[in-house]
Amino acid sequence: MVEVEVANRSGAKLDVADAVALTREVLAAEGVRDGELGLQLVGPDEIKALKEKHLGLDEITDALAFPIDGRGDLPQGIPRQLGDVVLCPQVVGDAWREPLVHALLHLLGYDHGAEMDARERSYR
């Protein structure tokens, strides 16, 4: 099973159980059944600072992905560390599912384009 460690520093409410369930559903459909990832819920100022620091863009966004292992092969006995998804509930509101799926696909190594668009559509 994929272990999801959730930290909510946003001060906003989000259905964490649904977010974890969707995370596991997407990862399983993409062939990842075991591993660990972090789901960080942050406020607008924090996600803006992260985007500027890591992408050089000074703007608020809905979600970011910080991948580690992706879908690639790992040596026997090494647990899969997928990385972190950072989601801003104040930006996404009730429409958090699509940005979460988008960020999860980035964790798995998908880049923007037709393949990623098709994968995203399959989870709508």
Protein backbone atom coordinates (compact mmCIF):
# COMPACT_ATOMS: atom_id res chain seq x y z
CA MET A 1 0.00 0.00 0.00
CA VAL A 2 1.13 3.56 -0.64
CA GLU A 3 1.63 5.40 2.63
CA VAL A 4 0.54 9.03 2.43
CA GLU A 5 1.82 11.41 5.08
CA VAL A 6 -0.42 14.49 5.25
CA ALA A 7 0.53 17.83 6.78
CA ASN A 8 -1.99 20.68 6.74
CA ARG A 9 -0.31 24.03 7.29
CA SER A 10 -2.88 25.89 5.19
CA GLY A 11 -5.44 26.63 7.88
CA ALA A 12 -8.10 25.45 5.41
CA LYS A 13 -10.27 22.37 5.45
CA LEU A 14 -9.96 19.72 2.78
CA ASP A 15 -11.36 16.20 2.81
CA VAL A 16 -8.07 14.49 3.60
CA ALA A 17 -9.56 10.97 3.53
CA ASP A 18 -10.87 11.57 -0.01
CA ALA A 19 -7.53 13.08 -1.08
CA VAL A 20 -5.62 10.06 0.23
CA ALA A 21 -8.08 7.66 -1.42
CA LEU A 22 -7.75 9.47 -4.77
CA THR A 23 -3.97 9.46 -4.42
CA ARG A 24 -3.90 5.71 -3.89
CA GLU A 25 -6.39 5.14 -6.74
CA VAL A 26 -4.32 7.14 -9.24
CA LEU A 27 -1.04 5.56 -8.18
CA ALA A 28 -2.48 2.03 -8.34
CA ALA A 29 -3.89 2.71 -11.82
CA GLU A 30 -0.42 3.87 -12.85
CA GLY A 31 1.14 0.66 -11.53
CA VAL A 32 2.44 1.97 -8.19
CA ARG A 33 1.02 -0.06 -5.34
CA ASP A 34 3.72 0.41 -2.72
CA GLY A 35 5.69 3.42 -1.60
CA GLU A 36 5.55 6.61 0.36
CA LEU A 37 4.67 10.19 -0.46
CA GLY A 38 3.93 13.41 1.32
CA LEU A 39 0.82 15.49 0.75
CA GLN A 40 1.44 19.01 2.01
CA LEU A 41 -1.46 21.44 2.26
CA VAL A 42 -0.12 24.99 2.36
CA GLY A 43 -1.38 28.55 2.14
CA PRO A 44 -0.99 30.93 -0.78
CA ASP A 45 2.15 32.63 0.54
CA GLU A 46 3.96 29.34 1.06
CA ILE A 47 3.09 27.86 -2.34
CA LYS A 48 4.09 31.13 -4.01
CA ALA A 49 7.46 31.05 -2.22
CA LEU A 50 8.01 27.41 -3.20
CA LYS A 51 7.21 28.11 -6.85
CA GLU A 52 9.60 31.05 -6.91
CA LYS A 53 12.38 29.12 -5.17
CA HIS A 54 12.13 25.96 -7.28
CA LEU A 55 10.76 27.17 -10.63
CA GLY A 56 11.81 30.82 -10.66
CA LEU A 57 8.23 32.00 -11.11
CA ASP A 58 6.87 34.59 -8.68
CA GLU A 59 3.21 33.59 -8.71
CA ILE A 60 0.65 31.62 -6.76
CA THR A 61 -0.27 28.20 -8.11
CA ASP A 62 -2.68 25.41 -7.24
CA ALA A 63 -0.26 22.50 -6.85
CA LEU A 64 3.41 21.57 -7.12
CA ALA A 65 5.18 18.22 -7.36
CA PHE A 66 8.61 17.35 -6.02
CA PRO A 67 9.37 13.86 -7.40
CA ILE A 68 12.01 11.46 -6.11
CA ASP A 69 11.72 7.88 -7.42
CA GLY A 70 8.86 8.06 -9.93
CA ARG A 71 7.91 4.82 -11.68
CA GLY A 72 11.41 3.64 -12.48
CA ASP A 73 12.94 0.38 -11.34
CA LEU A 74 14.48 0.31 -7.89
CA PRO A 75 16.99 -2.09 -6.38
CA GLN A 76 15.42 -5.03 -4.54
CA GLY A 77 14.38 -4.14 -0.99
CA ILE A 78 14.52 -0.37 -1.46
CA PRO A 79 11.19 1.29 -0.61
CA ARG A 80 9.82 3.67 -3.26
CA GLN A 81 9.96 7.31 -2.16
CA LEU A 82 7.61 9.08 -4.56
CA GLY A 83 8.22 12.59 -3.27
CA ASP A 84 5.87 15.35 -2.22
CA VAL A 85 2.73 16.95 -3.61
CA VAL A 86 2.05 20.45 -2.37
CA LEU A 87 -1.53 21.64 -2.72
CA CYS A 88 -3.01 25.03 -1.85
CA PRO A 89 -6.63 24.60 -0.69
CA GLN A 90 -7.23 28.35 -0.80
CA VAL A 91 -6.44 28.35 -4.53
CA VAL A 92 -8.14 25.10 -5.54
CA GLY A 93 -11.19 25.28 -3.28
CA ASP A 94 -13.60 22.41 -3.88
CA ALA A 95 -11.93 21.69 -7.25
CA TRP A 96 -8.86 20.08 -5.65
CA ARG A 97 -9.10 16.71 -7.41
CA GLU A 98 -7.78 17.73 -10.83
CA PRO A 99 -4.75 19.66 -9.48
CA LEU A 100 -3.97 16.71 -7.18
CA VAL A 101 -4.09 14.24 -10.10
CA HIS A 102 -1.95 16.59 -12.19
CA ALA A 103 0.71 16.80 -9.47
CA LEU A 104 0.65 13.03 -8.88
CA LEU A 105 1.29 12.41 -12.57
CA HIS A 106 4.27 14.75 -12.37
CA LEU A 107 5.57 12.69 -9.43
CA LEU A 108 5.45 9.67 -11.71
CA GLY A 109 7.48 11.38 -14.40
CA TYR A 110 4.82 12.62 -16.80
CA ASP A 111 5.54 15.95 -18.50
CA HIS A 112 2.98 18.32 -19.97
CA GLY A 113 1.72 17.09 -23.31
CA ALA A 114 -0.66 14.70 -25.00
CA GLU A 115 0.21 11.66 -22.87
CA MET A 116 -0.28 13.52 -19.61
CA ASP A 117 -3.48 15.14 -20.87
CA ALA A 118 -4.86 11.70 -21.74
CA ARG A 119 -3.93 10.32 -18.32
CA GLU A 120 -5.59 13.29 -16.59
CA ARG A 121 -8.80 12.84 -18.60
CA SER A 122 -8.98 9.21 -17.50
CA TYR A 123 -9.35 10.34 -13.85
CA ARG A 124 -12.13 12.91 -14.40
